[in-house]
């Protein structure tokens, strides 16, 4: 296994990515063991946390590709994506069961058929997942993915030609890459300000969902780079967290409503189902309003300013208060 070192602005970019991916893949493996539990709550937590780790790995790889070997990154993304989609189906069933279970009182007889149907669909999905996780092929894939980022020659695969025979240098460190990478992720978020200005904006669920993912990408990348950034970065992280939490809760209402629509028409027409649907719809509308209140405060200029402050730490040479390129030894006065 390749060891872990503390990140600095001068850490080779590929090594920083390798360390981050290794950490996330290790989390995935641990959490998938939890996801194989027959206890619904335990399994649901494992599925959720494994998806979070996979998404962070996908986000980092997606934005890091220009500075590492594209073929290597593509293989990793394909492998992560397949497992992520599989867990997504299970997670949607978990959300619906959790939301309905929290809404209805435990002794609500009218809700019993609806809850039973939702839980049955959830249990079938978890059973299919357990079989998949027990399959030798799945175990081989997980082992291969861990080896691809933890083996001694991992960096050779990520950056196969540090200096090409045509003179192209690819020895990037974090300070070289972070301004461009984080700037791109920020642009993918702030672009929504052109069309999303108020709750009455003509934005469907798909657009809000994509904005939510863009906010996640930026926050995950900032957290990846956090050891190299200014202490004031936490303000940016908190703003992004506010968006993520609000739209995450909103998306749960969307998932719950869509899962209800997949049940039989007989169950959908029941009074209990209508009450739950009305609750989720109203809650979703309220959360969209909360999101816009936060979104209005986070103008593109504000977010760009916060990111610019965060990146100032990259320009501070260790052991020196200046930026004269003195290598830590101040130049003598002339």
C-alpha atoms as a PDB file:
ATOM      1  CA  UNK A   1       0.000   0.000   0.000  1.00  0.00           C
ATOM      2  CA  UNK A   2       1.153   3.518  -0.791  1.00  0.00           C
ATOM      3  CA  UNK A   3       1.336   5.742   2.283  1.00  0.00           C
ATOM      4  CA  UNK A   4      -0.379   9.030   2.989  1.00  0.00           C
ATOM      5  CA  UNK A   5       1.366  12.370   3.406  1.00  0.00           C
ATOM      6  CA  UNK A   6       0.096  15.759   4.532  1.00  0.00           C
ATOM      7  CA  UNK A   7      -1.004  17.905   1.613  1.00  0.00           C
ATOM      8  CA  UNK A   8       0.665  21.221   0.845  1.00  0.00           C
ATOM      9  CA  UNK A   9       0.477  23.552  -2.132  1.00  0.00           C
ATOM     10  CA  UNK A  10       3.583  21.802  -3.495  1.00  0.00           C
ATOM     11  CA  UNK A  11       2.227  18.269  -3.203  1.00  0.00           C
ATOM     12  CA  UNK A  12       2.181  16.637  -6.654  1.00  0.00           C
ATOM     13  CA  UNK A  13      -1.386  16.875  -7.910  1.00  0.00           C
ATOM     14  CA  UNK A  14      -1.582  13.238  -8.983  1.00  0.00           C
ATOM     15  CA  UNK A  15      -0.415  12.114  -5.543  1.00  0.00           C
ATOM     16  CA  UNK A  16      -3.061  14.260  -3.842  1.00  0.00           C
ATOM     17  CA  UNK A  17      -5.744  12.764  -6.087  1.00  0.00           C
ATOM     18  CA  UNK A  18      -4.432   9.255  -5.474  1.00  0.00           C
ATOM     19  CA  UNK A  19      -4.589   9.721  -1.704  1.00  0.00           C
ATOM     20  CA  UNK A  20      -8.115  11.107  -1.860  1.00  0.00           C
ATOM     21  CA  UNK A  21      -9.348   8.294  -4.094  1.00  0.00           C
ATOM     22  CA  UNK A  22      -7.749   5.653  -1.886  1.00  0.00           C
ATOM     23  CA  UNK A  23      -9.499   7.127   1.161  1.00  0.00           C
ATOM     24  CA  UNK A  24     -12.882   7.135  -0.599  1.00  0.00           C
ATOM     25  CA  UNK A  25     -12.532   3.600  -2.004  1.00  0.00           C
ATOM     26  CA  UNK A  26     -11.624   2.323   1.465  1.00  0.00           C
ATOM     27  CA  UNK A  27     -14.775   3.991   2.832  1.00  0.00           C
ATOM     28  CA  UNK A  28     -16.843   2.380   0.076  1.00  0.00           C
ATOM     29  CA  UNK A  29     -15.550  -1.096   0.919  1.00  0.00           C
ATOM     30  CA  UNK A  30     -16.238  -0.634   4.639  1.00  0.00           C
ATOM     31  CA  UNK A  31     -19.704   0.804   4.054  1.00  0.00           C
ATOM     32  CA  UNK A  32     -20.706  -1.891   1.575  1.00  0.00           C
ATOM     33  CA  UNK A  33     -20.147  -4.471   4.292  1.00  0.00           C
ATOM     34  CA  UNK A  34     -22.608  -2.458   6.364  1.00  0.00           C
ATOM     35  CA  UNK A  35     -24.986  -2.251   3.379  1.00  0.00           C
ATOM     36  CA  UNK A  36     -25.107  -6.058   3.295  1.00  0.00           C
ATOM     37  CA  UNK A  37     -26.724  -6.114   6.749  1.00  0.00           C
ATOM     38  CA  UNK A  38     -30.216  -7.574   7.104  1.00  0.00           C
ATOM     39  CA  UNK A  39     -31.133  -4.759   9.492  1.00  0.00           C
ATOM     40  CA  UNK A  40     -32.946  -2.110   7.361  1.00  0.00           C
ATOM     41  CA  UNK A  41     -31.593   0.914   9.239  1.00  0.00           C
ATOM     42  CA  UNK A  42     -28.038  -0.421   9.280  1.00  0.00           C
ATOM     43  CA  UNK A  43     -28.146  -1.334   5.599  1.00  0.00           C
ATOM     44  CA  UNK A  44     -29.654   2.034   4.633  1.00  0.00           C
ATOM     45  CA  UNK A  45     -26.838   3.891   6.377  1.00  0.00           C
ATOM     46  CA  UNK A  46     -24.247   1.752   4.619  1.00  0.00           C
ATOM     47  CA  UNK A  47     -25.809   2.392   1.219  1.00  0.00           C
ATOM     48  CA  UNK A  48     -25.982   6.141   1.828  1.00  0.00           C
ATOM     49  CA  UNK A  49     -22.404   6.505   3.063  1.00  0.00           C
ATOM     50  CA  UNK A  50     -21.023   4.313   0.269  1.00  0.00           C
ATOM     51  CA  UNK A  51     -22.802   6.498  -2.294  1.00  0.00           C
ATOM     52  CA  UNK A  52     -21.404   9.662  -0.693  1.00  0.00           C
ATOM     53  CA  UNK A  53     -17.867   8.291  -0.951  1.00  0.00           C
ATOM     54  CA  UNK A  54     -18.388   7.142  -4.538  1.00  0.00           C
ATOM     55  CA  UNK A  55     -19.782  10.503  -5.536  1.00  0.00           C
ATOM     56  CA  UNK A  56     -16.823  12.331  -4.025  1.00  0.00           C
ATOM     57  CA  UNK A  57     -14.485  10.069  -5.955  1.00  0.00           C
ATOM     58  CA  UNK A  58     -16.414  10.649  -9.185  1.00  0.00           C
ATOM     59  CA  UNK A  59     -16.487  14.409  -8.668  1.00  0.00           C
ATOM     60  CA  UNK A  60     -12.756  14.622  -8.033  1.00  0.00           C
ATOM     61  CA  UNK A  61     -11.881  12.427 -11.004  1.00  0.00           C
ATOM     62  CA  UNK A  62     -14.212  14.308 -13.322  1.00  0.00           C
ATOM     63  CA  UNK A  63     -12.574  17.648 -12.598  1.00  0.00           C
ATOM     64  CA  UNK A  64      -9.032  16.259 -12.290  1.00  0.00           C
ATOM     65  CA  UNK A  65      -8.958  14.546 -15.685  1.00  0.00           C
ATOM     66  CA  UNK A  66      -7.188  17.391 -17.587  1.00  0.00           C
ATOM     67  CA  UNK A  67      -4.149  16.983 -15.323  1.00  0.00           C
ATOM     68  CA  UNK A  68      -3.887  13.191 -15.088  1.00  0.00           C
ATOM     69  CA  UNK A  69      -4.040  10.355 -17.604  1.00  0.00           C
ATOM     70  CA  UNK A  70      -7.490  10.525 -19.237  1.00  0.00           C
ATOM     71  CA  UNK A  71      -7.647   6.808 -20.043  1.00  0.00           C
ATOM     72  CA  UNK A  72      -6.891   5.843 -16.455  1.00  0.00           C
ATOM     73  CA  UNK A  73      -9.516   8.274 -15.154  1.00  0.00           C
ATOM     74  CA  UNK A  74     -12.125   6.993 -17.620  1.00  0.00           C
ATOM     75  CA  UNK A  75     -11.699   3.414 -16.385  1.00  0.00           C
ATOM     76  CA  UNK A  76     -12.123   4.499 -12.775  1.00  0.00           C
ATOM     77  CA  UNK A  77     -15.197   6.601 -13.569  1.00  0.00           C
ATOM     78  CA  UNK A  78     -16.838   3.719 -15.427  1.00  0.00           C
ATOM     79  CA  UNK A  79     -16.272   1.373 -12.507  1.00  0.00           C
ATOM     80  CA  UNK A  80     -17.451   3.882  -9.886  1.00  0.00           C
ATOM     81  CA  UNK A  81     -20.468   4.853 -11.977  1.00  0.00           C
ATOM     82  CA  UNK A  82     -21.857   1.341 -12.260  1.00  0.00           C
ATOM     83  CA  UNK A  83     -21.820   0.799  -8.515  1.00  0.00           C
ATOM     84  CA  UNK A  84     -23.121   4.313  -7.854  1.00  0.00           C
ATOM     85  CA  UNK A  85     -26.180   3.733 -10.052  1.00  0.00           C
ATOM     86  CA  UNK A  86     -26.863   0.377  -8.414  1.00  0.00           C
ATOM     87  CA  UNK A  87     -26.787   1.932  -4.955  1.00  0.00           C
ATOM     88  CA  UNK A  88     -28.934   4.818  -6.179  1.00  0.00           C
ATOM     89  CA  UNK A  89     -31.869   2.506  -6.856  1.00  0.00           C
ATOM     90  CA  UNK A  90     -31.600   1.101  -3.349  1.00  0.00           C
ATOM     91  CA  UNK A  91     -31.223   4.541  -1.806  1.00  0.00           C
ATOM     92  CA  UNK A  92     -34.428   5.791  -3.451  1.00  0.00           C
ATOM     93  CA  UNK A  93     -36.408   2.928  -1.909  1.00  0.00           C
ATOM     94  CA  UNK A  94     -34.813   3.647   1.478  1.00  0.00           C
ATOM     95  CA  UNK A  95     -35.774   7.313   1.289  1.00  0.00           C
ATOM     96  CA  UNK A  96     -39.400   6.523   0.481  1.00  0.00           C
ATOM     97  CA  UNK A  97     -39.711   4.059   3.369  1.00  0.00           C
ATOM     98  CA  UNK A  98     -37.963   6.430   5.780  1.00  0.00           C
ATOM     99  CA  UNK A  99     -40.089   9.427   4.765  1.00  0.00           C
ATOM    100  CA  UNK A 100     -43.360   7.499   4.987  1.00  0.00           C
ATOM    101  CA  UNK A 101     -42.382   5.897   8.288  1.00  0.00           C
ATOM    102  CA  UNK A 102     -41.615   9.317   9.758  1.00  0.00           C
ATOM    103  CA  UNK A 103     -44.882  10.824   8.493  1.00  0.00           C
ATOM    104  CA  UNK A 104     -47.383   8.224   9.654  1.00  0.00           C
ATOM    105  CA  UNK A 105     -47.961   7.441  13.346  1.00  0.00           C
ATOM    106  CA  UNK A 106     -46.941   3.909  14.267  1.00  0.00           C
ATOM    107  CA  UNK A 107     -50.546   2.997  15.105  1.00  0.00           C
ATOM    108  CA  UNK A 108     -52.107   4.428  11.917  1.00  0.00           C
ATOM    109  CA  UNK A 109     -54.137   1.489  10.495  1.00  0.00           C
ATOM    110  CA  UNK A 110     -54.996   3.217   7.205  1.00  0.00           C
ATOM    111  CA  UNK A 111     -51.310   3.605   6.414  1.00  0.00           C
ATOM    112  CA  UNK A 112     -50.416  -0.049   6.985  1.00  0.00           C
ATOM    113  CA  UNK A 113     -50.945  -1.234   3.359  1.00  0.00           C
ATOM    114  CA  UNK A 114     -48.942   1.685   1.971  1.00  0.00           C
ATOM    115  CA  UNK A 115     -46.068   1.201   4.408  1.00  0.00           C
ATOM    116  CA  UNK A 116     -46.052  -2.544   3.751  1.00  0.00           C
ATOM    117  CA  UNK A 117     -45.844  -1.971  -0.006  1.00  0.00           C
ATOM    118  CA  UNK A 118     -43.013   0.557   0.308  1.00  0.00           C
ATOM    119  CA  UNK A 119     -41.067  -1.644   2.711  1.00  0.00           C
ATOM    120  CA  UNK A 120     -41.551  -4.689   0.495  1.00  0.00           C
ATOM    121  CA  UNK A 121     -40.102  -2.836  -2.501  1.00  0.00           C
ATOM    122  CA  UNK A 122     -37.210  -1.652  -0.332  1.00  0.00           C
ATOM    123  CA  UNK A 123     -36.488  -5.130   1.004  1.00  0.00           C
ATOM    124  CA  UNK A 124     -36.451  -6.652  -2.489  1.00  0.00           C
ATOM    125  CA  UNK A 125     -33.939  -4.058  -3.638  1.00  0.00           C
ATOM    126  CA  UNK A 126     -31.713  -4.714  -0.633  1.00  0.00           C
ATOM    127  CA  UNK A 127     -31.892  -8.459  -1.198  1.00  0.00           C
ATOM    128  CA  UNK A 128     -30.747  -7.956  -4.791  1.00  0.00           C
ATOM    129  CA  UNK A 129     -27.919  -5.745  -3.534  1.00  0.00           C
ATOM    130  CA  UNK A 130     -26.776  -8.361  -1.011  1.00  0.00           C
ATOM    131  CA  UNK A 131     -26.591 -10.959  -3.774  1.00  0.00           C
ATOM    132  CA  UNK A 132     -24.621  -8.553  -5.943  1.00  0.00           C
ATOM    133  CA  UNK A 133     -22.181  -7.747  -3.156  1.00  0.00           C
ATOM    134  CA  UNK A 134     -21.645 -11.445  -2.448  1.00  0.00           C
ATOM    135  CA  UNK A 135     -20.822 -12.114  -6.101  1.00  0.00           C
ATOM    136  CA  UNK A 136     -17.155 -12.892  -6.761  1.00  0.00           C
ATOM    137  CA  UNK A 137     -17.076 -10.492  -9.717  1.00  0.00           C
ATOM    138  CA  UNK A 138     -18.152  -7.562  -7.536  1.00  0.00           C
ATOM    139  CA  UNK A 139     -15.508  -8.393  -4.953  1.00  0.00           C
ATOM    140  CA  UNK A 140     -12.886  -8.525  -7.702  1.00  0.00           C
ATOM    141  CA  UNK A 141     -13.938  -5.107  -8.983  1.00  0.00           C
ATOM    142  CA  UNK A 142     -13.655  -3.577  -5.519  1.00  0.00           C
ATOM    143  CA  UNK A 143     -10.254  -5.161  -4.990  1.00  0.00           C
ATOM    144  CA  UNK A 144      -9.066  -3.937  -8.368  1.00  0.00           C
ATOM    145  CA  UNK A 145     -10.233  -0.387  -7.684  1.00  0.00           C
ATOM    146  CA  UNK A 146      -8.448  -0.286  -4.346  1.00  0.00           C
ATOM    147  CA  UNK A 147      -5.275  -1.665  -5.904  1.00  0.00           C
ATOM    148  CA  UNK A 148      -5.439   0.898  -8.718  1.00  0.00           C
ATOM    149  CA  UNK A 149      -5.015   3.762  -6.234  1.00  0.00           C
ATOM    150  CA  UNK A 150      -3.099   2.068  -3.411  1.00  0.00           C
ATOM    151  CA  UNK A 151      -0.418   0.045  -5.196  1.00  0.00           C
ATOM    152  CA  UNK A 152       3.179   1.220  -5.430  1.00  0.00           C
ATOM    153  CA  UNK A 153       2.914   1.884  -9.174  1.00  0.00           C
ATOM    154  CA  UNK A 154      -0.408   3.768  -8.989  1.00  0.00           C
ATOM    155  CA  UNK A 155       1.193   7.105  -9.815  1.00  0.00           C
ATOM    156  CA  UNK A 156       2.895   5.645 -12.884  1.00  0.00           C
ATOM    157  CA  UNK A 157      -0.524   4.759 -14.264  1.00  0.00           C
ATOM    158  CA  UNK A 158      -2.057   8.118 -13.351  1.00  0.00           C
ATOM    159  CA  UNK A 159       0.731  10.152 -14.992  1.00  0.00           C
ATOM    160  CA  UNK A 160       2.512   7.727 -17.339  1.00  0.00           C
ATOM    161  CA  UNK A 161       4.700  10.369 -19.049  1.00  0.00           C
ATOM    162  CA  UNK A 162       5.663  13.224 -16.678  1.00  0.00           C
ATOM    163  CA  UNK A 163       7.773  14.823 -19.439  1.00  0.00           C
ATOM    164  CA  UNK A 164       6.928  13.781 -23.006  1.00  0.00           C
ATOM    165  CA  UNK A 165       9.427  13.395 -25.843  1.00  0.00           C
ATOM    166  CA  UNK A 166       7.891  16.540 -27.324  1.00  0.00           C
ATOM    167  CA  UNK A 167       8.744  18.553 -24.236  1.00  0.00           C
ATOM    168  CA  UNK A 168       5.296  18.609 -22.616  1.00  0.00           C
ATOM    169  CA  UNK A 169       5.674  18.758 -18.824  1.00  0.00           C
ATOM    170  CA  UNK A 170       2.926  17.247 -16.664  1.00  0.00           C
ATOM    171  CA  UNK A 171       4.568  17.540 -13.257  1.00  0.00           C
ATOM    172  CA  UNK A 172       1.647  19.517 -11.823  1.00  0.00           C
ATOM    173  CA  UNK A 173       1.421  20.283  -8.129  1.00  0.00           C
ATOM    174  CA  UNK A 174      -1.681  21.417  -6.257  1.00  0.00           C
ATOM    175  CA  UNK A 175      -0.795  25.102  -6.583  1.00  0.00           C
ATOM    176  CA  UNK A 176      -0.663  24.705 -10.375  1.00  0.00           C
ATOM    177  CA  UNK A 177      -4.058  23.064 -10.647  1.00  0.00           C
ATOM    178  CA  UNK A 178      -6.363  24.236  -7.851  1.00  0.00           C
ATOM    179  CA  UNK A 179      -7.143  27.742  -9.202  1.00  0.00           C
ATOM    180  CA  UNK A 180      -8.300  26.345 -12.549  1.00  0.00           C
ATOM    181  CA  UNK A 181     -10.054  23.264 -11.155  1.00  0.00           C
ATOM    182  CA  UNK A 182     -11.953  25.091  -8.414  1.00  0.00           C
ATOM    183  CA  UNK A 183     -12.693  27.967 -10.778  1.00  0.00           C
ATOM    184  CA  UNK A 184     -14.277  25.581 -13.259  1.00  0.00           C
ATOM    185  CA  UNK A 185     -16.385  23.953 -10.544  1.00  0.00           C
ATOM    186  CA  UNK A 186     -17.487  27.388  -9.316  1.00  0.00           C
ATOM    187  CA  UNK A 187     -18.493  28.423 -12.847  1.00  0.00           C
ATOM    188  CA  UNK A 188     -20.605  25.261 -13.136  1.00  0.00           C
ATOM    189  CA  UNK A 189     -22.541  26.524 -10.092  1.00  0.00           C
ATOM    190  CA  UNK A 190     -22.747  30.285 -10.665  1.00  0.00           C
ATOM    191  CA  UNK A 191     -24.007  29.831 -14.241  1.00  0.00           C
ATOM    192  CA  UNK A 192     -27.399  28.958 -12.731  1.00  0.00           C
ATOM    193  CA  UNK A 193     -27.722  32.532 -11.447  1.00  0.00           C
ATOM    194  CA  UNK A 194     -28.646  33.581 -15.009  1.00  0.00           C
ATOM    195  CA  UNK A 195     -31.919  31.648 -14.882  1.00  0.00           C
ATOM    196  CA  UNK A 196     -32.676  30.989 -11.210  1.00  0.00           C
ATOM    197  CA  UNK A 197     -33.500  34.195  -9.379  1.00  0.00           C
ATOM    198  CA  UNK A 198     -36.735  33.594  -7.440  1.00  0.00           C
ATOM    199  CA  UNK A 199     -39.169  30.784  -6.507  1.00  0.00           C
ATOM    200  CA  UNK A 200     -41.346  31.758  -9.464  1.00  0.00           C
ATOM    201  CA  UNK A 201     -38.441  31.241 -11.871  1.00  0.00           C
ATOM    202  CA  UNK A 202     -39.199  28.764 -14.622  1.00  0.00           C
ATOM    203  CA  UNK A 203     -37.001  26.037 -13.173  1.00  0.00           C
ATOM    204  CA  UNK A 204     -38.094  22.440 -13.184  1.00  0.00           C
ATOM    205  CA  UNK A 205     -37.001  19.689 -10.850  1.00  0.00           C
ATOM    206  CA  UNK A 206     -34.225  18.624 -13.213  1.00  0.00           C
ATOM    207  CA  UNK A 207     -32.588  22.061 -13.176  1.00  0.00           C
ATOM    208  CA  UNK A 208     -32.704  22.347  -9.397  1.00  0.00           C
ATOM    209  CA  UNK A 209     -31.271  18.847  -9.160  1.00  0.00           C
ATOM    210  CA  UNK A 210     -28.381  19.761 -11.471  1.00  0.00           C
ATOM    211  CA  UNK A 211     -27.684  22.895  -9.433  1.00  0.00           C
ATOM    212  CA  UNK A 212     -27.657  20.723  -6.332  1.00  0.00           C
ATOM    213  CA  UNK A 213     -25.062  18.439  -7.917  1.00  0.00           C
ATOM    214  CA  UNK A 214     -22.949  21.423  -8.997  1.00  0.00           C
ATOM    215  CA  UNK A 215     -22.963  22.696  -5.417  1.00  0.00           C
ATOM    216  CA  UNK A 216     -21.931  19.254  -4.189  1.00  0.00           C
ATOM    217  CA  UNK A 217     -19.092  19.099  -6.692  1.00  0.00           C
ATOM    218  CA  UNK A 218     -17.691  22.451  -5.621  1.00  0.00           C
ATOM    219  CA  UNK A 219     -18.000  21.714  -1.911  1.00  0.00           C
ATOM    220  CA  UNK A 220     -16.351  18.302  -2.274  1.00  0.00           C
ATOM    221  CA  UNK A 221     -13.479  19.795  -4.269  1.00  0.00           C
ATOM    222  CA  UNK A 222     -12.982  22.598  -1.754  1.00  0.00           C
ATOM    223  CA  UNK A 223     -12.879  20.014   1.044  1.00  0.00           C
ATOM    224  CA  UNK A 224     -10.310  18.023  -0.963  1.00  0.00           C
ATOM    225  CA  UNK A 225      -8.141  21.141  -1.287  1.00  0.00           C
ATOM    226  CA  UNK A 226      -8.859  22.469   2.213  1.00  0.00           C
ATOM    227  CA  UNK A 227      -5.386  21.712   3.727  1.00  0.00           C
ATOM    228  CA  UNK A 228      -3.837  24.085   1.168  1.00  0.00           C
ATOM    229  CA  UNK A 229      -6.403  26.894   1.389  1.00  0.00           C
ATOM    230  CA  UNK A 230      -6.805  29.975   3.564  1.00  0.00           C
ATOM    231  CA  UNK A 231      -8.521  29.643   6.948  1.00  0.00           C
ATOM    232  CA  UNK A 232     -11.363  31.839   5.689  1.00  0.00           C
ATOM    233  CA  UNK A 233     -12.341  29.029   3.311  1.00  0.00           C
ATOM    234  CA  UNK A 234     -14.765  27.781   5.961  1.00  0.00           C
ATOM    235  CA  UNK A 235     -17.191  30.602   5.077  1.00  0.00           C
ATOM    236  CA  UNK A 236     -17.406  29.311   1.506  1.00  0.00           C
ATOM    237  CA  UNK A 237     -17.817  25.729   2.723  1.00  0.00           C
ATOM    238  CA  UNK A 238     -20.665  26.782   5.012  1.00  0.00           C
ATOM    239  CA  UNK A 239     -22.481  28.622   2.201  1.00  0.00           C
ATOM    240  CA  UNK A 240     -22.220  25.593  -0.046  1.00  0.00           C
ATOM    241  CA  UNK A 241     -23.330  23.330   2.792  1.00  0.00           C
ATOM    242  CA  UNK A 242     -26.470  25.433   3.247  1.00  0.00           C
ATOM    243  CA  UNK A 243     -27.398  24.967  -0.408  1.00  0.00           C
ATOM    244  CA  UNK A 244     -26.578  21.278  -0.297  1.00  0.00           C
ATOM    245  CA  UNK A 245     -28.630  20.533   2.814  1.00  0.00           C
ATOM    246  CA  UNK A 246     -31.680  22.489   1.665  1.00  0.00           C
ATOM    247  CA  UNK A 247     -31.754  21.032  -1.829  1.00  0.00           C
ATOM    248  CA  UNK A 248     -30.883  17.606  -0.445  1.00  0.00           C
ATOM    249  CA  UNK A 249     -33.991  17.683   1.741  1.00  0.00           C
ATOM    250  CA  UNK A 250     -36.003  18.991  -1.220  1.00  0.00           C
ATOM    251  CA  UNK A 251     -34.742  16.135  -3.396  1.00  0.00           C
ATOM    252  CA  UNK A 252     -35.884  13.626  -0.769  1.00  0.00           C
ATOM    253  CA  UNK A 253     -39.441  14.913  -1.253  1.00  0.00           C
ATOM    254  CA  UNK A 254     -39.073  14.447  -5.013  1.00  0.00           C
ATOM    255  CA  UNK A 255     -37.848  10.877  -4.539  1.00  0.00           C
ATOM    256  CA  UNK A 256     -40.685  10.100  -2.114  1.00  0.00           C
ATOM    257  CA  UNK A 257     -43.309  11.381  -4.553  1.00  0.00           C
ATOM    258  CA  UNK A 258     -41.823   9.444  -7.462  1.00  0.00           C
ATOM    259  CA  UNK A 259     -41.660   6.231  -5.463  1.00  0.00           C
ATOM    260  CA  UNK A 260     -45.312   6.661  -4.480  1.00  0.00           C
ATOM    261  CA  UNK A 261     -46.228   7.014  -8.159  1.00  0.00           C
ATOM    262  CA  UNK A 262     -44.644   3.615  -8.839  1.00  0.00           C
ATOM    263  CA  UNK A 263     -47.078   1.850  -6.526  1.00  0.00           C
ATOM    264  CA  UNK A 264     -50.347   0.395  -7.766  1.00  0.00           C
ATOM    265  CA  UNK A 265     -53.120   2.844  -8.631  1.00  0.00           C
ATOM    266  CA  UNK A 266     -55.219   1.291  -5.861  1.00  0.00           C
ATOM    267  CA  UNK A 267     -52.639   2.191  -3.229  1.00  0.00           C
ATOM    268  CA  UNK A 268     -52.116   5.661  -4.719  1.00  0.00           C
ATOM    269  CA  UNK A 269     -55.817   6.436  -4.350  1.00  0.00           C
ATOM    270  CA  UNK A 270     -55.950   5.590  -0.660  1.00  0.00           C
ATOM    271  CA  UNK A 271     -56.547   8.486   1.709  1.00  0.00           C
ATOM    272  CA  UNK A 272     -53.292   7.840   3.562  1.00  0.00           C
ATOM    273  CA  UNK A 273     -51.315   8.058   0.320  1.00  0.00           C
ATOM    274  CA  UNK A 274     -52.978  11.344  -0.630  1.00  0.00           C
ATOM    275  CA  UNK A 275     -52.200  12.841   2.775  1.00  0.00           C
ATOM    276  CA  UNK A 276     -48.558  11.831   2.479  1.00  0.00           C
ATOM    277  CA  UNK A 277     -48.311  13.131  -1.090  1.00  0.00           C
ATOM    278  CA  UNK A 278     -49.789  16.488  -0.048  1.00  0.00           C
ATOM    279  CA  UNK A 279     -47.318  16.713   2.831  1.00  0.00           C
ATOM    280  CA  UNK A 280     -44.290  15.956   0.655  1.00  0.00           C
ATOM    281  CA  UNK A 281     -45.451  18.370  -2.053  1.00  0.00           C
ATOM    282  CA  UNK A 282     -45.951  21.207   0.427  1.00  0.00           C
ATOM    283  CA  UNK A 283     -42.652  20.486   2.141  1.00  0.00           C
ATOM    284  CA  UNK A 284     -40.876  20.487  -1.197  1.00  0.00           C
ATOM    285  CA  UNK A 285     -42.349  23.874  -2.127  1.00  0.00           C
ATOM    286  CA  UNK A 286     -41.328  25.325   1.240  1.00  0.00           C
ATOM    287  CA  UNK A 287     -37.769  24.041   0.861  1.00  0.00           C
ATOM    288  CA  UNK A 288     -37.487  25.605  -2.599  1.00  0.00           C
ATOM    289  CA  UNK A 289     -38.396  28.960  -1.038  1.00  0.00           C
ATOM    290  CA  UNK A 290     -35.749  28.457   1.656  1.00  0.00           C
ATOM    291  CA  UNK A 291     -33.218  27.647  -1.039  1.00  0.00           C
ATOM    292  CA  UNK A 292     -33.949  30.840  -2.972  1.00  0.00           C
ATOM    293  CA  UNK A 293     -33.518  32.912   0.174  1.00  0.00           C
ATOM    294  CA  UNK A 294     -30.023  31.465   0.565  1.00  0.00           C
ATOM    295  CA  UNK A 295     -29.308  31.608  -3.169  1.00  0.00           C
ATOM    296  CA  UNK A 296     -30.063  35.342  -3.341  1.00  0.00           C
ATOM    297  CA  UNK A 297     -27.385  36.018  -0.727  1.00  0.00           C
ATOM    298  CA  UNK A 298     -24.803  33.979  -2.641  1.00  0.00           C
ATOM    299  CA  UNK A 299     -24.251  36.132  -5.699  1.00  0.00           C
ATOM    300  CA  UNK A 300     -21.621  34.970  -8.192  1.00  0.00           C
ATOM    301  CA  UNK A 301     -19.424  37.897  -7.133  1.00  0.00           C
ATOM    302  CA  UNK A 302     -19.705  36.841  -3.486  1.00  0.00           C
ATOM    303  CA  UNK A 303     -18.789  33.219  -4.222  1.00  0.00           C
ATOM    304  CA  UNK A 304     -15.945  34.230  -6.538  1.00  0.00           C
ATOM    305  CA  UNK A 305     -14.618  36.561  -3.854  1.00  0.00           C
ATOM    306  CA  UNK A 306     -14.721  33.823  -1.224  1.00  0.00           C
ATOM    307  CA  UNK A 307     -12.889  31.422  -3.531  1.00  0.00           C
ATOM    308  CA  UNK A 308     -10.271  34.057  -4.361  1.00  0.00           C
ATOM    309  CA  UNK A 309      -9.579  34.548  -0.646  1.00  0.00           C
ATOM    310  CA  UNK A 310      -9.342  30.784  -0.159  1.00  0.00           C
ATOM    311  CA  UNK A 311      -6.749  30.506  -2.922  1.00  0.00           C
ATOM    312  CA  UNK A 312      -4.467  33.228  -1.526  1.00  0.00           C
ATOM    313  CA  UNK A 313      -2.807  30.627   0.713  1.00  0.00           C
ATOM    314  CA  UNK A 314      -1.305  29.016  -2.389  1.00  0.00           C
ATOM    315  CA  UNK A 315       0.864  32.103  -2.933  1.00  0.00           C
ATOM    316  CA  UNK A 316       2.482  32.071   0.510  1.00  0.00           C
ATOM    317  CA  UNK A 317       5.898  30.338   0.402  1.00  0.00           C
ATOM    318  CA  UNK A 318       6.639  28.386   3.556  1.00  0.00           C
ATOM    319  CA  UNK A 319       9.137  30.078   5.849  1.00  0.00           C
ATOM    320  CA  UNK A 320       8.812  33.435   4.120  1.00  0.00           C
ATOM    321  CA  UNK A 321       6.391  36.328   4.392  1.00  0.00           C
ATOM    322  CA  UNK A 322       7.094  37.591   0.887  1.00  0.00           C
ATOM    323  CA  UNK A 323       6.465  36.274  -2.613  1.00  0.00           C
ATOM    324  CA  UNK A 324       9.805  37.211  -4.146  1.00  0.00           C
ATOM    325  CA  UNK A 325      10.761  33.637  -4.939  1.00  0.00           C
ATOM    326  CA  UNK A 326      13.543  33.678  -2.374  1.00  0.00           C
ATOM    327  CA  UNK A 327      13.021  30.033  -1.430  1.00  0.00           C
ATOM    328  CA  UNK A 328      12.409  30.867   2.216  1.00  0.00           C
ATOM    329  CA  UNK A 329      15.478  33.111   2.606  1.00  0.00           C
ATOM    330  CA  UNK A 330      14.632  36.834   2.419  1.00  0.00           C
ATOM    331  CA  UNK A 331      16.799  38.761  -0.009  1.00  0.00           C
ATOM    332  CA  UNK A 332      19.350  41.050   1.676  1.00  0.00           C
ATOM    333  CA  UNK A 333      18.623  44.755   1.559  1.00  0.00           C
ATOM    334  CA  UNK A 334      20.592  46.524  -1.148  1.00  0.00           C
END
